[in-house]
Protein backbone atom coordinates (compact mmCIF):
# COMPACT_ATOMS: atom_id res chain seq x y z
CA UNK A 1 0.00 0.00 0.00
CA UNK A 2 2.81 2.41 0.94
CA UNK A 3 4.59 1.56 -2.33
CA UNK A 4 1.43 2.34 -4.34
CA UNK A 5 1.03 5.68 -2.54
CA UNK A 6 4.62 6.61 -3.35
CA UNK A 7 4.39 5.48 -6.99
CA UNK A 8 1.15 7.43 -7.43
CA UNK A 9 2.52 10.49 -5.62
CA UNK A 10 5.65 10.96 -7.75
CA UNK A 11 4.06 11.51 -11.22
CA UNK A 12 1.44 13.87 -9.74
CA UNK A 13 4.23 15.75 -7.94
CA UNK A 14 6.11 16.13 -11.22
CA UNK A 15 2.97 17.24 -13.08
CA UNK A 16 1.94 19.84 -10.46
CA UNK A 17 5.50 21.31 -10.44
CA UNK A 18 4.77 23.62 -7.47
CA UNK A 19 8.36 24.91 -7.34
CA UNK A 20 8.30 25.65 -11.08
CA UNK A 21 5.02 27.58 -10.66
CA UNK A 22 6.41 29.46 -7.64
CA UNK A 23 8.05 32.32 -9.62
CA UNK A 24 4.72 32.91 -11.41
CA UNK A 25 2.86 32.97 -8.09
CA UNK A 26 5.35 35.51 -6.70
CA UNK A 27 5.01 37.66 -9.82
CA UNK A 28 1.19 37.57 -9.78
CA UNK A 29 0.85 38.33 -6.06
CA UNK A 30 3.60 40.94 -5.83
CA UNK A 31 2.47 43.94 -3.78
CA UNK A 32 -0.56 42.18 -2.27
CA UNK A 33 -1.13 42.05 1.48
CA UNK A 34 -0.51 38.83 3.44
CA UNK A 35 -4.28 38.33 3.94
CA UNK A 36 -4.98 38.70 0.22
CA UNK A 37 -2.16 36.28 -0.63
CA UNK A 38 -3.53 33.73 1.86
CA UNK A 39 -7.01 34.03 0.33
CA UNK A 40 -5.62 33.47 -3.16
CA UNK A 41 -3.68 30.38 -1.99
CA UNK A 42 -6.82 28.88 -0.39
CA UNK A 43 -8.89 29.69 -3.49
CA UNK A 44 -6.32 28.04 -5.78
CA UNK A 45 -6.15 24.89 -3.62
CA UNK A 46 -9.95 24.56 -3.46
CA UNK A 47 -10.26 25.00 -7.24
CA UNK A 48 -7.51 22.48 -7.95
CA UNK A 49 -8.98 19.83 -5.62
CA UNK A 50 -12.56 20.20 -6.93
CA UNK A 51 -11.42 19.99 -10.55
CA UNK A 52 -9.13 16.99 -10.06
CA UNK A 53 -11.54 14.97 -7.86
CA UNK A 54 -14.46 15.70 -10.20
CA UNK A 55 -12.43 14.49 -13.18
CA UNK A 56 -11.28 11.36 -11.32
CA UNK A 57 -14.88 10.29 -10.59
CA UNK A 58 -16.51 11.38 -13.87
CA UNK A 59 -13.69 10.65 -16.32
CA UNK A 60 -14.45 6.95 -16.82
CA UNK A 61 -18.18 7.63 -17.28
CA UNK A 62 -17.31 10.03 -20.09
CA UNK A 63 -15.05 7.33 -21.58
CA UNK A 64 -17.94 4.84 -21.71
CA UNK A 65 -20.26 7.35 -23.33
CA UNK A 66 -17.69 8.20 -26.02
CA UNK A 67 -16.39 4.64 -26.50
CA UNK A 68 -12.83 5.57 -25.52
CA UNK A 69 -10.52 2.94 -24.01
CA UNK A 70 -7.84 3.56 -21.39
CA UNK A 71 -5.21 2.73 -24.02
CA UNK A 72 -6.59 5.45 -26.33
CA UNK A 73 -6.49 7.98 -23.50
CA UNK A 74 -2.98 6.98 -22.46
CA UNK A 75 -1.64 7.52 -25.99
CA UNK A 76 -3.48 10.84 -26.43
CA UNK A 77 -2.63 12.01 -22.91
CA UNK A 78 1.00 10.99 -23.31
CA UNK A 79 1.26 12.93 -26.56
CA UNK A 80 -0.23 16.04 -24.91
CA UNK A 81 2.05 15.71 -21.88
CA UNK A 82 5.07 15.37 -24.13
CA UNK A 83 4.12 18.56 -25.99
CA UNK A 84 3.60 20.41 -22.67
CA UNK A 85 7.00 19.21 -21.40
CA UNK A 86 8.78 20.25 -24.60
CA UNK A 87 7.10 23.68 -24.56
CA UNK A 88 8.17 24.17 -20.94
CA UNK A 89 11.75 23.22 -21.78
CA UNK A 90 11.96 25.40 -24.89
CA UNK A 91 9.94 28.32 -23.49
CA UNK A 92 10.53 28.49 -19.72
CA UNK A 93 8.72 31.80 -19.31
CA UNK A 94 5.11 30.80 -18.70
CA UNK A 95 2.39 33.32 -19.45
CA UNK A 96 1.68 35.79 -16.65
CA UNK A 97 -1.69 37.37 -16.04
CA UNK A 98 -2.77 40.48 -14.13
CA UNK A 99 -3.87 39.70 -10.54
CA UNK A 100 -7.63 39.83 -9.91
CA UNK A 101 -10.27 38.50 -7.52
CA UNK A 102 -10.32 35.29 -9.58
CA UNK A 103 -6.53 34.85 -9.55
CA UNK A 104 -6.79 31.80 -7.28
CA UNK A 105 -9.15 30.11 -9.75
CA UNK A 106 -7.46 31.05 -13.03
CA UNK A 107 -4.58 30.75 -13.67
CA UNK A 108 -3.32 29.39 -10.31
CA UNK A 109 -5.94 26.72 -9.50
CA UNK A 110 -6.13 25.75 -13.13
CA UNK A 111 -4.17 25.34 -15.33
CA UNK A 112 -1.04 25.98 -13.21
CA UNK A 113 -1.69 23.65 -10.25
CA UNK A 114 -4.15 21.25 -11.90
CA UNK A 115 -3.92 21.34 -15.67
CA UNK A 116 -3.98 18.76 -18.49
CA UNK A 117 -0.92 16.97 -17.11
CA UNK A 118 -2.40 16.35 -13.65
CA UNK A 119 -5.83 15.36 -15.02
CA UNK A 120 -4.33 12.91 -17.50
CA UNK A 121 -1.97 11.28 -15.02
CA UNK A 122 -4.67 11.10 -12.31
CA UNK A 123 -7.05 9.16 -14.51
CA UNK A 124 -4.33 6.79 -15.65
CA UNK A 125 -2.84 5.96 -12.25
CA UNK A 126 -6.27 4.91 -10.93
CA UNK A 127 -5.88 1.74 -13.01
CA UNK A 128 -2.27 1.33 -11.94
CA UNK A 129 -2.40 2.04 -8.18
CA UNK A 130 -6.08 2.37 -7.21
CA UNK A 131 -8.57 5.12 -6.41
CA UNK A 132 -7.45 5.72 -2.81
CA UNK A 133 -3.79 6.14 -3.78
CA UNK A 134 -4.77 8.52 -6.59
CA UNK A 135 -7.01 10.69 -4.40
CA UNK A 136 -4.35 10.80 -1.67
CA UNK A 137 -1.67 11.79 -4.20
CA UNK A 138 -3.78 14.59 -5.68
CA UNK A 139 -4.80 15.98 -2.27
CA UNK A 140 -1.26 15.72 -0.88
CA UNK A 141 0.27 17.47 -3.89
CA UNK A 142 -2.29 20.29 -3.91
CA UNK A 143 -1.70 20.84 -0.18
CA UNK A 144 2.05 20.74 -0.82
CA UNK A 145 1.63 23.38 -3.54
CA UNK A 146 -0.27 25.56 -1.05
CA UNK A 147 2.56 25.18 1.47
CA UNK A 148 5.16 26.07 -1.19
CA UNK A 149 3.17 29.19 -2.11
CA UNK A 150 2.84 30.12 1.59
CA UNK A 151 6.62 29.90 1.94
CA UNK A 152 7.21 31.78 -1.30
CA UNK A 153 9.34 34.49 0.27
CA UNK A 154 11.75 32.04 1.93
CA UNK A 155 11.96 29.64 -1.04
CA UNK A 156 12.63 32.29 -3.68
CA UNK A 157 15.43 33.74 -1.57
CA UNK A 158 16.90 30.25 -1.09
CA UNK A 159 16.58 29.00 -4.70
CA UNK A 160 16.91 32.29 -6.50
CA UNK A 161 15.37 32.87 -9.93
CA UNK A 162 18.00 30.72 -11.67
CA UNK A 163 17.49 27.84 -9.21
CA UNK A 164 13.72 27.84 -9.68
CA UNK A 165 14.11 27.82 -13.47
CA UNK A 166 16.68 25.00 -13.35
CA UNK A 167 14.44 22.85 -11.13
CA UNK A 168 11.50 23.52 -13.42
CA UNK A 169 13.57 22.31 -16.41
CA UNK A 170 14.43 19.07 -14.60
CA UNK A 171 10.78 18.38 -13.76
CA UNK A 172 9.86 19.07 -17.40
CA UNK A 173 12.38 16.43 -18.51
CA UNK A 174 10.88 13.93 -16.07
CA UNK A 175 7.42 14.79 -17.37
CA UNK A 176 8.57 14.10 -20.95
CA UNK A 177 9.90 10.68 -19.86
CA UNK A 178 6.59 9.88 -18.13
CA UNK A 179 4.76 10.90 -21.31
CA UNK A 180 6.79 8.44 -23.40
CA UNK A 181 6.08 5.70 -20.84
CA UNK A 182 2.34 6.45 -21.04
CA UNK A 183 2.37 6.24 -24.85
CA UNK A 184 4.28 2.94 -24.69
CA UNK A 185 1.83 1.43 -22.18
CA UNK A 186 -1.17 2.77 -24.10
CA UNK A 187 0.02 1.22 -27.37
CA UNK A 188 0.63 -2.08 -25.56
CA UNK A 189 -2.94 -2.03 -24.19
CA UNK A 190 -4.42 -1.23 -27.60
CA UNK A 191 -2.34 -3.95 -29.26
CA UNK A 192 -3.34 -6.55 -26.60
CA UNK A 193 -7.01 -5.58 -26.95
CA UNK A 194 -6.88 -6.04 -30.72
CA UNK A 195 -5.19 -9.42 -30.29
CA UNK A 196 -8.00 -10.54 -27.91
CA UNK A 197 -10.68 -9.44 -30.39
CA UNK A 198 -8.95 -11.35 -33.23
């Protein structure tokens, strides 16, 4: 059980990339009071959790309605993740938006904390490690992102801008590797399914 929790936690951790998002959070909340920053952090965590949990429970129902298999989703999701990883590596400067009352919802809650990468991986690891491990991993990583944002002042001073960018590059490389693994496993599932039908 502990092994499943750890194996489910790692890909979600890589996909959330809280440290990589940290410079964006600092930029968007610069000049805001501590109370406003705390409200934005809570709003972003609540948005991220609701979106991820909703997708985890409703994703497979949508699959059945559309006739999509897990293998199909793994290949498509892997391809999307690979593109996201490559874009992050090539263009490290993610888009910044002007702070507003909805800042915690968009872009922090989604797509920065929970975006296509997290949604895709969450749905896939349910089959690999189970629903409980997946829910725990999503909740733990969103809470961890909130903690990272809360400690933004300390962490940015410790890592520096160059350190945050370097760490973000490394997590993007890991995400690209996970994407290739997902495509490989998806193709294997599709191939096995076709062999069973024949």
